[in-house]
Amino acid sequence: MSHYLLLAAAVVFEVLWAVMLKVSRGFSVRWASAVMVVAYFASLFFLTLACEHMPLSVAYAIWTGVGATLVALFGLALFRERLGWGRAIGMLLVTTGAVLLLAFEPCFT
């Protein structure tokens, strides 16, 4: 069960670095740039630990899919990005795919 927590931490840090990527305005905001770099390495660190107990294909798909959907939601909420039908359907499909990967994957070691 701890591998799920490690993967969740990897996703949280992935979302953080991606949001800070926007906030840093091309590395011109130093504090946001520093948070972005630290969060990026933390995300990879936790993903690496999760991959010790999960198949790479599942862990990476969850990390990128859930992370991308959460980043898109933060973009909508924080940066007032528009939500069109295509983006909404895409986020729904990515989230559905992540749930299906976890639901039909046999227990991990």
N, C-alpha and C. Protein backbone atom coordinates (compact mmCIF):
# COMPACT_ATOMS: atom_id res chain seq x y z
N MET A 1 0.81 -1.19 0.00
CA MET A 1 0.00 0.00 0.00
C MET A 1 0.86 1.26 0.00
N SER A 2 2.04 1.18 0.56
CA SER A 2 2.90 2.38 0.60
C SER A 2 3.33 2.81 -0.80
N HIS A 3 3.33 1.89 -1.76
CA HIS A 3 3.71 2.29 -3.12
C HIS A 3 2.68 3.24 -3.71
N TYR A 4 1.42 3.13 -3.28
CA TYR A 4 0.41 4.09 -3.73
C TYR A 4 0.69 5.47 -3.15
N LEU A 5 1.11 5.50 -1.90
CA LEU A 5 1.45 6.79 -1.28
C LEU A 5 2.67 7.42 -1.94
N LEU A 6 3.65 6.59 -2.28
CA LEU A 6 4.83 7.10 -2.97
C LEU A 6 4.45 7.66 -4.34
N LEU A 7 3.58 6.95 -5.04
CA LEU A 7 3.13 7.43 -6.34
C LEU A 7 2.30 8.71 -6.19
N ALA A 8 1.47 8.77 -5.16
CA ALA A 8 0.68 9.98 -4.91
C ALA A 8 1.61 11.17 -4.63
N ALA A 9 2.66 10.95 -3.86
CA ALA A 9 3.63 12.02 -3.59
C ALA A 9 4.30 12.46 -4.89
N ALA A 10 4.63 11.50 -5.75
CA ALA A 10 5.24 11.84 -7.04
C ALA A 10 4.31 12.70 -7.87
N VAL A 11 3.02 12.37 -7.85
CA VAL A 11 2.04 13.15 -8.61
C VAL A 11 1.90 14.56 -8.02
N VAL A 12 1.84 14.66 -6.71
CA VAL A 12 1.71 15.98 -6.06
C VAL A 12 2.89 16.86 -6.44
N PHE A 13 4.10 16.32 -6.38
CA PHE A 13 5.27 17.12 -6.73
C PHE A 13 5.32 17.42 -8.22
N GLU A 14 4.80 16.50 -9.05
CA GLU A 14 4.74 16.78 -10.48
C GLU A 14 3.82 17.97 -10.76
N VAL A 15 2.67 17.97 -10.12
CA VAL A 15 1.73 19.07 -10.30
C VAL A 15 2.35 20.37 -9.79
N LEU A 16 3.02 20.30 -8.66
CA LEU A 16 3.65 21.50 -8.10
C LEU A 16 4.69 22.08 -9.05
N TRP A 17 5.57 21.22 -9.61
CA TRP A 17 6.60 21.79 -10.50
C TRP A 17 5.98 22.33 -11.77
N ALA A 18 4.93 21.69 -12.26
CA ALA A 18 4.31 22.19 -13.49
C ALA A 18 3.62 23.54 -13.27
N VAL A 19 2.95 23.68 -12.14
CA VAL A 19 2.32 24.97 -11.83
C VAL A 19 3.39 26.04 -11.62
N MET A 20 4.45 25.69 -10.94
CA MET A 20 5.54 26.66 -10.73
C MET A 20 6.24 27.02 -12.03
N LEU A 21 6.19 26.13 -13.01
CA LEU A 21 6.74 26.43 -14.33
C LEU A 21 6.05 27.66 -14.91
N LYS A 22 4.75 27.72 -14.74
CA LYS A 22 3.98 28.88 -15.21
C LYS A 22 4.25 30.11 -14.34
N VAL A 23 4.26 29.90 -13.02
CA VAL A 23 4.46 31.01 -12.09
C VAL A 23 5.84 31.64 -12.23
N SER A 24 6.84 30.82 -12.58
CA SER A 24 8.22 31.31 -12.66
C SER A 24 8.46 32.27 -13.82
N ARG A 25 7.52 32.29 -14.78
CA ARG A 25 7.61 33.18 -15.94
C ARG A 25 9.00 33.11 -16.60
N GLY A 26 9.33 31.91 -17.03
CA GLY A 26 10.60 31.72 -17.73
C GLY A 26 11.81 31.91 -16.84
N PHE A 27 11.74 31.44 -15.62
CA PHE A 27 12.81 31.53 -14.62
C PHE A 27 13.06 32.95 -14.13
N SER A 28 12.15 33.88 -14.39
CA SER A 28 12.37 35.25 -13.94
C SER A 28 11.92 35.48 -12.50
N VAL A 29 11.04 34.63 -11.98
CA VAL A 29 10.63 34.70 -10.58
C VAL A 29 11.44 33.65 -9.84
N ARG A 30 12.43 34.11 -9.09
CA ARG A 30 13.42 33.18 -8.52
C ARG A 30 12.83 32.17 -7.54
N TRP A 31 11.94 32.62 -6.63
CA TRP A 31 11.40 31.68 -5.65
C TRP A 31 10.59 30.59 -6.34
N ALA A 32 9.83 30.95 -7.34
CA ALA A 32 9.03 29.95 -8.06
C ALA A 32 9.93 29.00 -8.85
N SER A 33 11.01 29.54 -9.40
CA SER A 33 11.96 28.70 -10.13
C SER A 33 12.62 27.70 -9.19
N ALA A 34 12.97 28.16 -7.98
CA ALA A 34 13.59 27.26 -7.01
C ALA A 34 12.62 26.17 -6.57
N VAL A 35 11.38 26.53 -6.31
CA VAL A 35 10.36 25.54 -5.93
C VAL A 35 10.16 24.54 -7.07
N MET A 36 10.15 25.05 -8.29
CA MET A 36 9.96 24.19 -9.45
C MET A 36 11.06 23.13 -9.54
N VAL A 37 12.30 23.54 -9.40
CA VAL A 37 13.42 22.61 -9.52
C VAL A 37 13.39 21.57 -8.40
N VAL A 38 13.15 22.01 -7.17
CA VAL A 38 13.10 21.07 -6.04
C VAL A 38 11.93 20.10 -6.22
N ALA A 39 10.77 20.61 -6.62
CA ALA A 39 9.60 19.75 -6.81
C ALA A 39 9.83 18.75 -7.94
N TYR A 40 10.52 19.16 -8.98
CA TYR A 40 10.81 18.26 -10.10
C TYR A 40 11.63 17.07 -9.62
N PHE A 41 12.70 17.35 -8.88
CA PHE A 41 13.54 16.26 -8.39
C PHE A 41 12.82 15.41 -7.35
N ALA A 42 12.00 16.03 -6.52
CA ALA A 42 11.21 15.27 -5.54
C ALA A 42 10.23 14.34 -6.26
N SER A 43 9.62 14.83 -7.33
CA SER A 43 8.69 14.01 -8.10
C SER A 43 9.39 12.78 -8.67
N LEU A 44 10.56 12.99 -9.25
CA LEU A 44 11.31 11.86 -9.80
C LEU A 44 11.77 10.90 -8.71
N PHE A 45 12.15 11.44 -7.57
CA PHE A 45 12.58 10.62 -6.44
C PHE A 45 11.45 9.68 -6.00
N PHE A 46 10.26 10.24 -5.77
CA PHE A 46 9.14 9.42 -5.32
C PHE A 46 8.66 8.46 -6.40
N LEU A 47 8.73 8.89 -7.66
CA LEU A 47 8.37 7.98 -8.75
C LEU A 47 9.32 6.79 -8.79
N THR A 48 10.59 7.05 -8.59
CA THR A 48 11.59 5.98 -8.57
C THR A 48 11.30 4.98 -7.45
N LEU A 49 10.96 5.50 -6.28
CA LEU A 49 10.63 4.61 -5.15
C LEU A 49 9.37 3.80 -5.43
N ALA A 50 8.37 4.44 -6.03
CA ALA A 50 7.13 3.73 -6.36
C ALA A 50 7.39 2.62 -7.37
N CYS A 51 8.29 2.86 -8.31
CA CYS A 51 8.59 1.87 -9.35
C CYS A 51 9.30 0.64 -8.81
N GLU A 52 9.81 0.72 -7.59
CA GLU A 52 10.41 -0.47 -6.99
C GLU A 52 9.35 -1.51 -6.66
N HIS A 53 8.09 -1.10 -6.51
CA HIS A 53 7.02 -2.00 -6.11
C HIS A 53 5.86 -2.06 -7.11
N MET A 54 5.99 -1.32 -8.19
CA MET A 54 4.93 -1.29 -9.20
C MET A 54 5.56 -1.48 -10.57
N PRO A 55 4.80 -2.02 -11.51
CA PRO A 55 5.31 -2.07 -12.88
C PRO A 55 5.51 -0.64 -13.42
N LEU A 56 6.58 -0.44 -14.13
CA LEU A 56 6.89 0.88 -14.69
C LEU A 56 5.75 1.37 -15.58
N SER A 57 5.19 0.47 -16.37
CA SER A 57 4.13 0.88 -17.30
C SER A 57 2.91 1.43 -16.56
N VAL A 58 2.60 0.90 -15.41
CA VAL A 58 1.47 1.39 -14.62
C VAL A 58 1.85 2.68 -13.89
N ALA A 59 2.97 2.67 -13.20
CA ALA A 59 3.38 3.83 -12.41
C ALA A 59 3.55 5.07 -13.29
N TYR A 60 4.22 4.91 -14.42
CA TYR A 60 4.48 6.06 -15.29
C TYR A 60 3.18 6.57 -15.92
N ALA A 61 2.31 5.66 -16.31
CA ALA A 61 1.03 6.08 -16.90
C ALA A 61 0.18 6.84 -15.89
N ILE A 62 0.15 6.37 -14.66
CA ILE A 62 -0.61 7.05 -13.62
C ILE A 62 0.01 8.41 -13.33
N TRP A 63 1.33 8.44 -13.20
CA TRP A 63 2.07 9.68 -12.89
C TRP A 63 1.80 10.74 -13.94
N THR A 64 1.92 10.37 -15.20
CA THR A 64 1.73 11.37 -16.25
C THR A 64 0.26 11.70 -16.46
N GLY A 65 -0.60 10.69 -16.44
CA GLY A 65 -2.02 10.92 -16.72
C GLY A 65 -2.72 11.72 -15.64
N VAL A 66 -2.60 11.26 -14.41
CA VAL A 66 -3.25 11.97 -13.30
C VAL A 66 -2.60 13.34 -13.13
N GLY A 67 -1.28 13.40 -13.25
CA GLY A 67 -0.59 14.68 -13.13
C GLY A 67 -1.05 15.68 -14.19
N ALA A 68 -1.16 15.22 -15.43
CA ALA A 68 -1.59 16.12 -16.51
C ALA A 68 -3.01 16.61 -16.29
N THR A 69 -3.88 15.74 -15.82
CA THR A 69 -5.26 16.16 -15.57
C THR A 69 -5.32 17.17 -14.43
N LEU A 70 -4.58 16.91 -13.36
CA LEU A 70 -4.57 17.86 -12.25
C LEU A 70 -3.96 19.20 -12.65
N VAL A 71 -2.91 19.17 -13.45
CA VAL A 71 -2.31 20.42 -13.92
C VAL A 71 -3.32 21.19 -14.77
N ALA A 72 -4.06 20.48 -15.60
CA ALA A 72 -5.08 21.15 -16.42
C ALA A 72 -6.16 21.78 -15.53
N LEU A 73 -6.55 21.08 -14.48
CA LEU A 73 -7.55 21.64 -13.56
C LEU A 73 -7.01 22.87 -12.83
N PHE A 74 -5.74 22.82 -12.43
CA PHE A 74 -5.14 24.00 -11.81
C PHE A 74 -5.05 25.15 -12.81
N GLY A 75 -4.77 24.82 -14.05
CA GLY A 75 -4.75 25.86 -15.08
C GLY A 75 -6.09 26.54 -15.22
N LEU A 76 -7.15 25.75 -15.14
CA LEU A 76 -8.50 26.32 -15.20
C LEU A 76 -8.78 27.21 -13.99
N ALA A 77 -8.40 26.72 -12.81
CA ALA A 77 -8.73 27.43 -11.57
C ALA A 77 -7.84 28.63 -11.31
N LEU A 78 -6.54 28.47 -11.50
CA LEU A 78 -5.59 29.52 -11.12
C LEU A 78 -5.29 30.51 -12.24
N PHE A 79 -5.25 30.03 -13.46
CA PHE A 79 -4.80 30.87 -14.57
C PHE A 79 -5.93 31.19 -15.55
N ARG A 80 -7.16 30.82 -15.15
CA ARG A 80 -8.35 31.11 -15.94
C ARG A 80 -8.26 30.62 -17.39
N GLU A 81 -7.67 29.45 -17.55
CA GLU A 81 -7.63 28.85 -18.88
C GLU A 81 -9.03 28.35 -19.23
N ARG A 82 -9.31 28.31 -20.51
CA ARG A 82 -10.64 27.91 -20.97
C ARG A 82 -10.79 26.38 -21.00
N LEU A 83 -11.99 25.93 -20.69
CA LEU A 83 -12.30 24.51 -20.77
C LEU A 83 -13.25 24.28 -21.93
N GLY A 84 -12.71 23.73 -23.00
CA GLY A 84 -13.55 23.37 -24.14
C GLY A 84 -13.96 21.91 -24.04
N TRP A 85 -14.83 21.50 -24.96
CA TRP A 85 -15.28 20.12 -24.96
C TRP A 85 -14.14 19.14 -25.15
N GLY A 86 -13.22 19.47 -26.03
CA GLY A 86 -12.10 18.57 -26.29
C GLY A 86 -11.23 18.36 -25.06
N ARG A 87 -10.95 19.44 -24.36
CA ARG A 87 -10.12 19.33 -23.15
C ARG A 87 -10.86 18.56 -22.06
N ALA A 88 -12.15 18.81 -21.91
CA ALA A 88 -12.93 18.12 -20.89
C ALA A 88 -13.01 16.62 -21.17
N ILE A 89 -13.26 16.27 -22.42
CA ILE A 89 -13.32 14.85 -22.79
C ILE A 89 -11.95 14.20 -22.63
N GLY A 90 -10.91 14.91 -23.02
CA GLY A 90 -9.55 14.38 -22.86
C GLY A 90 -9.21 14.10 -21.41
N MET A 91 -9.53 15.03 -20.52
CA MET A 91 -9.26 14.82 -19.10
C MET A 91 -10.07 13.65 -18.55
N LEU A 92 -11.32 13.52 -19.00
CA LEU A 92 -12.14 12.39 -18.57
C LEU A 92 -11.55 11.07 -19.04
N LEU A 93 -11.09 11.02 -20.28
CA LEU A 93 -10.50 9.79 -20.81
C LEU A 93 -9.19 9.43 -20.11
N VAL A 94 -8.36 10.42 -19.84
CA VAL A 94 -7.10 10.16 -19.14
C VAL A 94 -7.38 9.64 -17.74
N THR A 95 -8.30 10.26 -17.04
CA THR A 95 -8.64 9.82 -15.68
C THR A 95 -9.24 8.42 -15.70
N THR A 96 -10.12 8.16 -16.66
CA THR A 96 -10.71 6.82 -16.79
C THR A 96 -9.63 5.78 -17.06
N GLY A 97 -8.68 6.12 -17.91
CA GLY A 97 -7.58 5.21 -18.20
C GLY A 97 -6.75 4.90 -16.97
N ALA A 98 -6.47 5.91 -16.17
CA ALA A 98 -5.70 5.69 -14.94
C ALA A 98 -6.45 4.79 -13.98
N VAL A 99 -7.75 5.01 -13.83
CA VAL A 99 -8.55 4.17 -12.94
C VAL A 99 -8.58 2.73 -13.45
N LEU A 100 -8.73 2.56 -14.75
CA LEU A 100 -8.75 1.21 -15.31
C LEU A 100 -7.41 0.51 -15.13
N LEU A 101 -6.32 1.23 -15.29
CA LEU A 101 -5.00 0.63 -15.07
C LEU A 101 -4.89 0.08 -13.65
N LEU A 102 -5.33 0.86 -12.69
CA LEU A 102 -5.23 0.42 -11.30
C LEU A 102 -6.24 -0.68 -10.98
N ALA A 103 -7.42 -0.59 -11.54
CA ALA A 103 -8.47 -1.55 -11.20
C ALA A 103 -8.18 -2.95 -11.74
N PHE A 104 -7.56 -3.03 -12.89
CA PHE A 104 -7.36 -4.34 -13.51
C PHE A 104 -5.92 -4.84 -13.41
N GLU A 105 -5.10 -4.14 -12.70
CA GLU A 105 -3.71 -4.57 -12.49
C GLU A 105 -3.66 -5.53 -11.32
N PRO A 106 -3.00 -6.67 -11.48
CA PRO A 106 -2.88 -7.58 -10.33
C PRO A 106 -2.08 -6.92 -9.20
N CYS A 107 -2.19 -7.47 -8.04
CA CYS A 107 -1.48 -6.91 -6.88
C CYS A 107 0.01 -6.78 -7.17
N PHE A 108 0.58 -5.71 -6.64
CA PHE A 108 2.01 -5.46 -6.84
C PHE A 108 2.79 -6.13 -5.72
N THR A 109 4.09 -6.28 -5.94
CA THR A 109 4.94 -6.91 -4.92
C THR A 109 5.28 -5.95 -3.83
